[in-house]
Amino acid sequence: MTIDAMDPPPTCPNCPDRLLWKDTRETGPGKEDSWFWFCTGCHQAYVPTPDQKLRFTYAA
């Protein structure tokens, strides 16, 4: 049995030693899927690229 590992999230442009968190506080049933990246170091939010939206929204 093989388990595919998910891609790690990107690192923060301002804090290269920190991975970004996928912030889904504004998502839910009946809402548009509008998650964003958040850095716990510098407290900045980043809009995911179209490629990241595909890879990290529908990841298995």
Protein backbone atom coordinates (compact mmCIF):
# COMPACT_ATOMS: atom_id res chain seq x y z
CA MET A 1 0.00 0.00 0.00
CA THR A 2 1.41 3.37 -1.03
CA ILE A 3 0.42 6.63 0.61
CA ASP A 4 1.03 9.76 -1.42
CA ALA A 5 2.37 12.62 0.66
CA MET A 6 0.81 16.02 0.19
CA ASP A 7 2.95 18.89 -0.98
CA PRO A 8 4.17 21.01 1.92
CA PRO A 9 2.73 24.51 2.08
CA PRO A 10 4.87 27.38 0.80
CA THR A 11 7.12 29.38 3.06
CA CYS A 12 6.43 32.97 4.00
CA PRO A 13 8.11 35.61 1.79
CA ASN A 14 8.91 37.66 4.93
CA CYS A 15 9.81 34.74 7.23
CA PRO A 16 11.50 32.13 5.02
CA ASP A 17 11.94 29.72 7.94
CA ARG A 18 8.16 29.50 8.50
CA LEU A 19 5.59 27.51 6.55
CA LEU A 20 2.33 29.25 5.77
CA TRP A 21 -0.94 28.01 7.27
CA LYS A 22 -4.03 27.45 5.16
CA ASP A 23 -6.58 29.72 6.83
CA THR A 24 -10.09 28.42 6.20
CA ARG A 25 -12.00 30.51 8.74
CA GLU A 26 -14.10 32.12 6.00
CA THR A 27 -15.03 28.86 4.24
CA GLY A 28 -17.91 26.50 4.91
CA PRO A 29 -21.07 25.00 3.46
CA GLY A 30 -22.77 27.40 1.09
CA LYS A 31 -19.81 29.81 1.03
CA GLU A 32 -17.38 30.50 -1.75
CA ASP A 33 -14.08 28.68 -1.26
CA SER A 34 -11.98 31.70 -0.34
CA TRP A 35 -9.17 30.42 1.84
CA PHE A 36 -5.82 32.19 2.06
CA TRP A 37 -2.31 31.63 3.41
CA PHE A 38 -1.40 33.05 6.81
CA CYS A 39 2.00 33.43 8.50
CA THR A 40 2.07 33.06 12.28
CA GLY A 41 5.40 34.90 12.40
CA CYS A 42 4.65 38.21 10.70
CA HIS A 43 0.82 37.87 10.81
CA GLN A 44 0.50 38.55 7.08
CA ALA A 45 -2.11 36.95 4.84
CA TYR A 46 -1.33 35.95 1.27
CA VAL A 47 -3.62 35.05 -1.61
CA PRO A 48 -2.78 31.62 -3.04
CA THR A 49 -1.73 31.38 -6.67
CA PRO A 50 -4.16 29.66 -9.07
CA ASP A 51 -1.88 26.60 -9.05
CA GLN A 52 -1.87 26.52 -5.23
CA LYS A 53 -5.68 26.84 -5.19
CA LEU A 54 -5.94 23.70 -7.31
CA ARG A 55 -3.27 21.74 -5.43
CA PHE A 56 -4.32 22.63 -1.89
CA THR A 57 -8.12 22.90 -2.26
CA TYR A 58 -8.67 19.52 -3.83
CA ALA A 59 -5.72 17.59 -2.36
CA ALA A 60 -6.42 13.96 -1.61
